[in-house]
Amino acid sequence: MWDTFRNNFIDDCTSCGLDGTNLKCAQCKNNNNGQNPNPTIALNSGIGYANGQLTCALK
């Protein structure tokens, strides 16, 4: 998952799920071994979430 605050990728996320039009996780580790509570990605017509993975809309 992309961390918009630190501008890097996050790994080891826990308890991710949909919250309206957002994908929200309870907590993720970032690449610097820090913790990022409640990271969120806004889903839209170009970014989706299906089968536990982020997806891209192809036109």
C-alpha atoms as a PDB file:
ATOM      1  CA  MET A   1       0.000   0.000   0.000  1.00  0.00           C
ATOM      2  CA  TRP A   2       1.275   3.513  -0.762  1.00  0.00           C
ATOM      3  CA  ASP A   3       1.766   5.774   2.259  1.00  0.00           C
ATOM      4  CA  THR A   4       0.735   9.260   1.119  1.00  0.00           C
ATOM      5  CA  PHE A   5       2.237  10.902   4.207  1.00  0.00           C
ATOM      6  CA  ARG A   6       5.732   9.380   3.945  1.00  0.00           C
ATOM      7  CA  ASN A   7       5.731   8.821   0.160  1.00  0.00           C
ATOM      8  CA  ASN A   8       6.784   5.187   0.270  1.00  0.00           C
ATOM      9  CA  PHE A   9       5.232   1.735   0.146  1.00  0.00           C
ATOM     10  CA  ILE A  10       3.786   0.087   3.248  1.00  0.00           C
ATOM     11  CA  ASP A  11       3.985  -3.627   3.922  1.00  0.00           C
ATOM     12  CA  ASP A  12       2.641  -5.897   6.672  1.00  0.00           C
ATOM     13  CA  CYS A  13      -0.828  -4.355   6.992  1.00  0.00           C
ATOM     14  CA  THR A  14      -3.430  -5.789   9.374  1.00  0.00           C
ATOM     15  CA  SER A  15      -7.230  -5.763   9.344  1.00  0.00           C
ATOM     16  CA  CYS A  16      -7.781  -4.051   5.991  1.00  0.00           C
ATOM     17  CA  GLY A  17     -11.279  -3.518   4.659  1.00  0.00           C
ATOM     18  CA  LEU A  18     -13.656  -1.143   2.957  1.00  0.00           C
ATOM     19  CA  ASP A  19     -15.024   1.895   4.760  1.00  0.00           C
ATOM     20  CA  GLY A  20     -17.419   3.541   2.316  1.00  0.00           C
ATOM     21  CA  THR A  21     -15.281   4.477  -0.692  1.00  0.00           C
ATOM     22  CA  ASN A  22     -12.013   4.106   1.243  1.00  0.00           C
ATOM     23  CA  LEU A  23      -9.714   1.175   1.886  1.00  0.00           C
ATOM     24  CA  LYS A  24      -8.628   1.424   5.509  1.00  0.00           C
ATOM     25  CA  CYS A  25      -6.284  -0.750   7.568  1.00  0.00           C
ATOM     26  CA  ALA A  26      -5.971  -0.952  11.343  1.00  0.00           C
ATOM     27  CA  GLN A  27      -2.203  -0.617  11.182  1.00  0.00           C
ATOM     28  CA  CYS A  28       0.679  -0.993   8.742  1.00  0.00           C
ATOM     29  CA  LYS A  29       4.442  -1.153   9.034  1.00  0.00           C
ATOM     30  CA  ASN A  30       6.222   1.239   6.730  1.00  0.00           C
ATOM     31  CA  ASN A  31       9.546   0.571   5.028  1.00  0.00           C
ATOM     32  CA  ASN A  32      11.426   2.199   7.918  1.00  0.00           C
ATOM     33  CA  ASN A  33       9.971  -0.303  10.447  1.00  0.00           C
ATOM     34  CA  GLY A  34       7.749   2.417  11.881  1.00  0.00           C
ATOM     35  CA  GLN A  35       4.033   1.959  12.534  1.00  0.00           C
ATOM     36  CA  ASN A  36       1.370   3.855  10.629  1.00  0.00           C
ATOM     37  CA  PRO A  37      -2.050   3.631  12.339  1.00  0.00           C
ATOM     38  CA  ASN A  38      -5.224   3.764  10.216  1.00  0.00           C
ATOM     39  CA  PRO A  39      -3.709   4.291   6.748  1.00  0.00           C
ATOM     40  CA  THR A  40      -6.389   5.015   4.142  1.00  0.00           C
ATOM     41  CA  ILE A  41      -6.564   4.992   0.337  1.00  0.00           C
ATOM     42  CA  ALA A  42      -9.498   6.720  -1.351  1.00  0.00           C
ATOM     43  CA  LEU A  43     -11.037   4.450  -3.991  1.00  0.00           C
ATOM     44  CA  ASN A  44     -12.384   5.990  -7.195  1.00  0.00           C
ATOM     45  CA  SER A  45     -13.085   5.051 -10.804  1.00  0.00           C
ATOM     46  CA  GLY A  46      -9.373   4.316 -11.398  1.00  0.00           C
ATOM     47  CA  ILE A  47      -8.543   2.527  -8.135  1.00  0.00           C
ATOM     48  CA  GLY A  48     -10.622  -0.344  -6.791  1.00  0.00           C
ATOM     49  CA  TYR A  49     -10.395  -3.139  -4.218  1.00  0.00           C
ATOM     50  CA  ALA A  50     -11.363  -6.710  -5.068  1.00  0.00           C
ATOM     51  CA  ASN A  51     -10.430 -10.121  -3.659  1.00  0.00           C
ATOM     52  CA  GLY A  52      -8.160  -8.547  -1.041  1.00  0.00           C
ATOM     53  CA  GLN A  53      -6.088  -6.534  -3.539  1.00  0.00           C
ATOM     54  CA  LEU A  54      -6.043  -3.049  -4.998  1.00  0.00           C
ATOM     55  CA  THR A  55      -7.011  -3.050  -8.668  1.00  0.00           C
ATOM     56  CA  CYS A  56      -6.668  -0.615 -11.559  1.00  0.00           C
ATOM     57  CA  ALA A  57      -9.470   0.182 -13.983  1.00  0.00           C
ATOM     58  CA  LEU A  58      -8.462  -0.325 -17.598  1.00  0.00           C
ATOM     59  CA  LYS A  59     -10.126   1.768 -20.267  1.00  0.00           C
END
